[in-house]
N, C-alpha and C. Protein backbone atom coordinates (compact mmCIF):
# COMPACT_ATOMS: atom_id res chain seq x y z
N MET A 1 -10.46 -19.14 12.86
CA MET A 1 -10.52 -18.84 11.47
C MET A 1 -10.41 -17.40 10.86
N ALA A 2 -9.90 -17.40 9.95
CA ALA A 2 -8.63 -15.61 9.55
C ALA A 2 -9.62 -15.22 8.63
N PHE A 3 -9.67 -14.11 8.97
CA PHE A 3 -10.80 -13.31 7.82
C PHE A 3 -9.34 -12.75 6.94
N GLU A 4 -9.89 -12.62 5.71
CA GLU A 4 -8.84 -11.65 4.96
C GLU A 4 -9.87 -10.87 4.40
N VAL A 5 -8.96 -9.43 4.72
CA VAL A 5 -9.69 -7.89 4.90
C VAL A 5 -9.05 -7.49 3.73
N ARG A 6 -9.62 -6.45 2.62
CA ARG A 6 -8.96 -5.99 1.71
C ARG A 6 -9.23 -4.65 1.75
N ALA A 7 -8.98 -3.72 1.20
CA ALA A 7 -8.90 -2.23 0.43
C ALA A 7 -7.62 -2.28 -0.60
N VAL A 8 -7.90 -1.40 -1.67
CA VAL A 8 -7.35 -1.05 -3.00
C VAL A 8 -7.84 0.33 -3.30
N ALA A 9 -6.76 0.84 -3.73
CA ALA A 9 -6.72 2.23 -3.51
C ALA A 9 -6.07 2.36 -5.48
N LYS A 10 -7.06 2.58 -6.21
CA LYS A 10 -6.61 2.93 -7.81
C LYS A 10 -6.35 4.36 -8.17
N TYR A 11 -5.44 3.85 -9.48
CA TYR A 11 -5.34 5.35 -10.41
C TYR A 11 -4.25 6.42 -9.28
N VAL A 12 -3.59 6.04 -8.47
CA VAL A 12 -2.69 6.54 -7.39
C VAL A 12 -1.88 7.20 -8.54
N PRO A 13 -1.22 8.68 -8.33
CA PRO A 13 -0.44 8.96 -9.84
C PRO A 13 0.48 9.42 -9.14
N LEU A 14 1.44 7.79 -8.80
CA LEU A 14 2.88 7.54 -8.77
C LEU A 14 3.28 6.34 -9.29
N SER A 15 4.51 6.36 -10.06
CA SER A 15 4.79 5.07 -10.53
C SER A 15 4.76 4.08 -9.96
N PRO A 16 4.45 2.67 -10.00
CA PRO A 16 4.32 1.16 -9.01
C PRO A 16 6.12 1.10 -8.84
N ARG A 17 6.81 1.47 -9.67
CA ARG A 17 8.50 1.08 -8.98
C ARG A 17 8.58 1.93 -8.01
N LYS A 18 8.68 2.93 -8.03
CA LYS A 18 8.50 4.01 -6.72
C LYS A 18 8.03 3.75 -5.27
N VAL A 19 6.12 2.71 -5.88
CA VAL A 19 5.59 2.62 -4.94
C VAL A 19 5.70 1.29 -3.89
N ARG A 20 6.56 0.35 -4.63
CA ARG A 20 6.90 -0.86 -4.59
C ARG A 20 8.08 -0.90 -3.34
N LEU A 21 8.95 -0.01 -3.44
CA LEU A 21 9.95 0.68 -2.31
C LEU A 21 9.22 0.80 -1.52
N VAL A 22 8.13 1.35 -1.18
CA VAL A 22 8.04 1.67 0.43
C VAL A 22 6.80 0.36 0.78
N VAL A 23 6.39 -0.28 -0.32
CA VAL A 23 5.58 -1.16 -0.22
C VAL A 23 6.27 -2.79 0.80
N ASP A 24 7.49 -2.33 0.41
CA ASP A 24 8.45 -4.22 0.79
C ASP A 24 9.00 -3.36 1.73
N GLN A 25 8.83 -2.25 2.35
CA GLN A 25 9.29 -2.60 3.68
C GLN A 25 8.09 -2.53 4.90
N VAL A 26 7.10 -2.80 4.64
CA VAL A 26 5.77 -3.05 5.48
C VAL A 26 4.83 -4.27 5.02
N ARG A 27 5.27 -5.14 4.25
CA ARG A 27 4.48 -6.31 4.01
C ARG A 27 5.02 -7.24 5.03
N GLY A 28 4.02 -7.73 5.44
CA GLY A 28 4.36 -9.49 6.93
C GLY A 28 4.24 -8.66 8.49
N ARG A 29 4.30 -7.05 8.23
CA ARG A 29 3.98 -6.59 9.79
C ARG A 29 2.73 -6.05 10.39
N ALA A 30 2.79 -5.72 11.77
CA ALA A 30 1.43 -5.87 12.20
C ALA A 30 1.17 -4.32 11.51
N VAL A 31 0.10 -3.74 11.47
CA VAL A 31 -0.87 -2.70 10.74
C VAL A 31 -0.02 -1.34 11.80
N ASP A 32 -0.47 -1.48 13.03
CA ASP A 32 0.54 -0.60 14.03
C ASP A 32 2.19 0.23 13.73
N GLU A 33 2.08 -1.20 13.41
CA GLU A 33 4.17 -0.90 12.97
C GLU A 33 3.99 -0.64 11.98
N ALA A 34 3.83 -0.60 10.70
CA ALA A 34 3.63 -0.52 9.58
C ALA A 34 3.60 0.77 8.98
N LEU A 35 2.63 1.55 10.12
CA LEU A 35 2.14 2.74 10.07
C LEU A 35 3.10 3.96 10.83
N VAL A 36 3.53 3.32 11.65
CA VAL A 36 4.93 3.89 12.26
C VAL A 36 6.27 4.42 11.67
N ILE A 37 6.10 2.72 10.77
CA ILE A 37 7.28 3.34 9.29
C ILE A 37 7.04 4.16 8.66
N LEU A 38 5.60 3.92 7.94
CA LEU A 38 5.41 4.76 6.86
C LEU A 38 4.98 6.17 7.55
N LYS A 39 4.78 6.62 8.77
CA LYS A 39 5.16 8.28 8.90
C LYS A 39 6.29 8.71 9.28
N PHE A 40 7.12 7.48 9.08
CA PHE A 40 8.52 8.24 8.94
C PHE A 40 9.40 8.23 7.92
N THR A 41 9.00 7.38 6.38
CA THR A 41 9.70 7.16 5.47
C THR A 41 9.39 8.77 4.73
N PRO A 42 10.51 8.82 4.37
CA PRO A 42 10.41 10.39 3.48
C PRO A 42 10.18 10.05 1.50
N LYS A 43 9.07 8.92 1.78
CA LYS A 43 8.69 9.07 0.13
C LYS A 43 7.44 9.51 -0.31
N ALA A 44 7.36 9.82 -1.16
CA ALA A 44 6.24 10.43 -2.06
C ALA A 44 4.71 9.32 -1.63
N ALA A 45 5.41 8.05 -1.99
CA ALA A 45 4.31 6.53 -2.03
C ALA A 45 3.90 6.52 -0.42
N ALA A 46 4.67 7.23 0.86
CA ALA A 46 4.44 6.26 1.76
C ALA A 46 2.77 6.97 2.40
N LYS A 47 2.82 8.09 1.99
CA LYS A 47 1.10 8.25 2.13
C LYS A 47 0.10 7.81 1.61
N PRO A 48 -0.12 7.60 0.25
CA PRO A 48 -1.41 6.71 -0.35
C PRO A 48 -1.04 5.09 0.01
N VAL A 49 -0.08 4.73 0.86
CA VAL A 49 -0.12 3.65 1.41
C VAL A 49 -0.29 3.39 2.35
N ALA A 50 0.00 3.93 3.44
CA ALA A 50 -0.93 4.67 4.56
C ALA A 50 -2.36 4.77 4.51
N LYS A 51 -2.62 5.56 3.58
CA LYS A 51 -3.88 5.70 3.62
C LYS A 51 -4.91 4.16 3.02
N VAL A 52 -4.36 3.11 2.35
CA VAL A 52 -4.89 1.88 2.21
C VAL A 52 -4.72 1.44 3.65
N ILE A 53 -3.93 1.20 3.87
CA ILE A 53 -4.09 0.36 5.03
C ILE A 53 -4.76 0.99 6.28
N LYS A 54 -5.39 1.74 6.60
CA LYS A 54 -6.06 2.67 7.23
C LYS A 54 -7.25 2.40 6.95
N SER A 55 -7.66 2.33 5.82
CA SER A 55 -8.89 2.23 4.99
C SER A 55 -9.21 0.43 5.35
N ALA A 56 -7.99 -0.27 5.29
CA ALA A 56 -8.39 -1.87 5.45
C ALA A 56 -8.71 -2.36 6.62
N ILE A 57 -7.89 -1.01 7.36
CA ILE A 57 -7.88 -1.90 9.07
C ILE A 57 -9.61 -1.23 9.66
N ALA A 58 -9.80 -0.29 8.96
CA ALA A 58 -11.66 0.66 9.21
C ALA A 58 -12.78 -0.14 8.53
N ASN A 59 -12.04 -1.60 7.66
CA ASN A 59 -12.96 -2.43 7.19
C ASN A 59 -13.06 -3.33 7.91
N ALA A 60 -11.95 -3.91 8.25
CA ALA A 60 -11.75 -4.96 9.53
C ALA A 60 -12.61 -4.74 10.59
N GLU A 61 -12.27 -3.64 11.14
CA GLU A 61 -13.47 -3.19 12.75
C GLU A 61 -14.92 -2.84 12.30
N GLU A 62 -15.26 -2.36 11.22
CA GLU A 62 -16.60 -2.32 10.90
C GLU A 62 -17.02 -3.12 10.12
N ASN A 63 -16.43 -4.23 9.64
CA ASN A 63 -17.52 -4.94 8.57
C ASN A 63 -17.44 -6.23 9.48
N TYR A 64 -16.01 -6.81 9.98
CA TYR A 64 -15.87 -7.86 10.47
C TYR A 64 -15.55 -8.01 12.40
N GLY A 65 -15.85 -6.68 12.76
CA GLY A 65 -15.56 -6.52 14.05
C GLY A 65 -14.57 -7.15 14.62
N LEU A 66 -13.23 -7.36 13.74
CA LEU A 66 -11.84 -7.70 14.34
C LEU A 66 -11.26 -6.43 15.05
N SER A 67 -10.13 -7.12 15.79
CA SER A 67 -9.62 -6.42 16.93
C SER A 67 -8.28 -5.38 16.11
N ARG A 68 -7.95 -3.75 15.91
CA ARG A 68 -6.73 -3.64 15.84
C ARG A 68 -5.52 -4.53 15.52
N GLU A 69 -5.51 -4.64 17.42
CA GLU A 69 -4.23 -5.45 17.75
C GLU A 69 -3.73 -6.63 16.85
N ASP A 70 -5.06 -7.25 16.59
CA ASP A 70 -4.41 -8.64 15.95
C ASP A 70 -4.43 -8.74 14.44
N LEU A 71 -4.22 -7.39 13.76
CA LEU A 71 -4.02 -7.22 12.42
C LEU A 71 -2.87 -7.27 11.93
N TYR A 72 -2.11 -7.97 10.78
CA TYR A 72 -1.04 -7.94 10.29
C TYR A 72 -1.02 -7.62 8.39
N ILE A 73 -0.28 -7.50 7.89
CA ILE A 73 -0.58 -7.20 6.79
C ILE A 73 0.44 -8.40 5.71
N SER A 74 -0.59 -9.31 5.18
CA SER A 74 -0.56 -11.00 4.83
C SER A 74 0.23 -10.22 3.31
N GLN A 75 -0.42 -9.28 2.55
CA GLN A 75 -0.04 -9.14 1.55
C GLN A 75 -0.41 -8.08 1.11
N ILE A 76 0.35 -7.23 0.14
CA ILE A 76 0.75 -5.46 -0.08
C ILE A 76 1.41 -5.44 -1.19
N PHE A 77 0.77 -5.04 -2.55
CA PHE A 77 1.34 -5.09 -3.87
C PHE A 77 0.99 -4.24 -4.02
N ALA A 78 1.92 -3.43 -5.45
CA ALA A 78 1.09 -1.85 -6.00
C ALA A 78 1.31 -2.56 -7.81
N ASP A 79 0.43 -2.58 -8.44
CA ASP A 79 0.58 -2.98 -10.05
C ASP A 79 0.13 -1.68 -10.49
N VAL A 80 0.30 -2.43 -11.82
CA VAL A 80 0.31 -0.94 -12.51
C VAL A 80 -0.57 -0.28 -13.21
N GLY A 81 -1.24 1.14 -13.12
CA GLY A 81 -2.34 1.33 -13.70
C GLY A 81 -1.88 2.37 -15.28
N PRO A 82 -3.60 2.66 -15.50
CA PRO A 82 -2.81 3.02 -16.73
C PRO A 82 -1.80 3.87 -17.11
N THR A 83 -1.01 4.78 -18.07
CA THR A 83 -0.69 5.29 -18.03
C THR A 83 -0.53 6.63 -19.24
N HIS A 84 -0.67 7.68 -18.77
CA HIS A 84 -1.20 8.61 -19.47
C HIS A 84 0.31 9.63 -20.89
N LYS A 85 0.18 9.23 -21.83
CA LYS A 85 1.06 9.50 -22.73
C LYS A 85 1.12 10.91 -23.08
N ARG A 86 1.79 11.67 -22.84
CA ARG A 86 2.10 13.02 -23.08
C ARG A 86 3.26 13.20 -24.23
N TRP A 87 3.60 15.02 -24.58
CA TRP A 87 4.48 14.61 -25.73
C TRP A 87 5.32 15.88 -25.27
N ARG A 88 6.33 16.12 -25.24
CA ARG A 88 7.30 17.38 -25.37
C ARG A 88 8.50 17.66 -26.37
N ALA A 89 8.16 18.72 -26.66
CA ALA A 89 8.79 19.36 -28.15
C ALA A 89 10.44 19.34 -27.72
N GLY A 90 11.25 18.44 -28.87
CA GLY A 90 12.77 18.07 -29.13
C GLY A 90 13.19 18.84 -29.86
N ALA A 91 14.61 18.56 -30.00
CA ALA A 91 15.27 19.47 -30.62
C ALA A 91 15.34 19.36 -32.43
N ARG A 92 14.99 20.36 -33.55
CA ARG A 92 14.99 19.81 -34.47
C ARG A 92 13.94 19.54 -34.86
N GLY A 93 12.62 19.69 -34.42
CA GLY A 93 11.15 19.67 -34.52
C GLY A 93 10.87 18.18 -34.13
N ARG A 94 11.77 17.36 -33.24
CA ARG A 94 11.56 16.24 -32.90
C ARG A 94 10.41 16.33 -31.87
N VAL A 95 9.61 15.02 -31.26
CA VAL A 95 8.53 15.02 -29.92
C VAL A 95 9.95 14.00 -29.02
N LYS A 96 9.64 14.33 -27.82
CA LYS A 96 10.32 13.03 -26.62
C LYS A 96 9.02 12.84 -25.87
N PRO A 97 8.55 11.69 -25.62
CA PRO A 97 7.59 11.18 -24.94
C PRO A 97 7.99 11.37 -23.24
N ILE A 98 6.81 11.89 -23.25
CA ILE A 98 6.26 11.79 -21.27
C ILE A 98 5.61 10.70 -20.76
N LEU A 99 5.53 9.68 -20.19
CA LEU A 99 5.07 8.88 -19.88
C LEU A 99 4.51 9.26 -18.04
N LYS A 100 3.07 9.42 -17.80
CA LYS A 100 3.00 9.47 -16.60
C LYS A 100 2.26 8.51 -15.98
N ARG A 101 3.03 7.70 -15.25
CA ARG A 101 2.91 6.12 -15.02
C ARG A 101 1.85 6.71 -13.30
N SER A 102 0.43 5.04 -13.40
CA SER A 102 -0.06 5.05 -12.14
C SER A 102 -0.01 3.85 -11.81
N SER A 103 -0.37 4.18 -10.48
CA SER A 103 -0.69 2.37 -9.74
C SER A 103 -1.87 2.32 -9.17
N HIS A 104 -2.02 0.84 -8.81
CA HIS A 104 -3.11 0.21 -8.06
C HIS A 104 -2.65 0.02 -6.93
N ILE A 105 -2.86 0.47 -5.78
CA ILE A 105 -2.03 -0.28 -4.67
C ILE A 105 -3.22 -1.11 -3.88
N THR A 106 -2.59 -2.64 -3.45
CA THR A 106 -4.19 -3.09 -2.78
C THR A 106 -3.54 -4.05 -1.70
N VAL A 107 -4.03 -4.08 -0.25
CA VAL A 107 -3.57 -4.42 0.46
C VAL A 107 -4.63 -5.47 1.63
N VAL A 108 -4.15 -6.45 2.30
CA VAL A 108 -4.68 -7.69 2.46
C VAL A 108 -4.15 -8.09 3.69
N LEU A 109 -5.48 -7.60 4.79
CA LEU A 109 -4.79 -7.69 5.94
C LEU A 109 -5.46 -8.85 6.54
N GLU A 110 -5.04 -10.16 7.52
CA GLU A 110 -5.76 -10.92 8.58
C GLU A 110 -5.16 -11.10 9.52
N GLU A 111 -5.56 -11.87 10.53
CA GLU A 111 -5.67 -12.08 12.04
C GLU A 111 -4.98 -12.69 12.09
N MET A 112 -3.60 -12.46 13.34
CA MET A 112 -2.46 -12.89 13.58
C MET A 112 -3.28 -14.31 14.38
N GLU A 113 -2.05 -15.24 14.25
CA GLU A 113 -2.53 -16.93 15.20
C GLU A 113 -2.22 -16.33 16.63
N GLU A 114 -2.77 -17.30 17.53
CA GLU A 114 -2.21 -16.82 18.88
C GLU A 114 -0.77 -16.60 19.14
N GLU A 115 -0.13 -17.63 19.32
CA GLU A 115 1.22 -17.30 19.22
C GLU A 115 1.71 -16.45 18.19
N GLN A 116 1.76 -15.77 17.48
CA GLN A 116 2.06 -14.77 16.68
C GLN A 116 1.72 -13.15 17.24
N ALA A 117 0.30 -13.89 17.80
CA ALA A 117 -0.25 -11.89 18.46
C ALA A 117 0.84 -11.65 19.78
N THR A 118 0.90 -13.22 20.42
CA THR A 118 1.71 -12.78 21.86
C THR A 118 3.47 -12.20 21.80
N ALA A 119 4.05 -12.69 20.69
CA ALA A 119 5.08 -12.59 20.21
C ALA A 119 5.35 -10.97 19.99
N SER A 120 4.39 -11.15 19.16
CA SER A 120 4.57 -9.57 18.46
C SER A 120 3.82 -8.30 19.39
N ARG A 121 3.35 -8.82 20.39
CA ARG A 121 2.96 -8.01 21.74
C ARG A 121 4.41 -7.85 23.00
N GLN A 122 5.28 -8.53 22.41
CA GLN A 122 6.06 -8.38 23.79
C GLN A 122 7.36 -7.45 22.99
């Protein structure tokens, strides 16, 4: 019986396009492997993504009693959050728009099947 454990970080002040570059690197991996990858990823989005994964791991251990070694990232995605619209003065009395984008990061963890777990530990 596979549990689905999720964690969501809302209103992360990074553009979803930039967050998706980091999220695509860890999709489908074991949680410990994903955290190691994120630790050495030189992108600003790596820190909030790692934080959400750690939150999902804590939810799985605390609420469902699942083992950390058996968890993998089954789904992870970055949705578009609200955009703050700002303006900057342009030449000849014009206005240049500045769009400050934000993201919602969602992580869904599942338990590995028996054959997956033994293959990932080797």
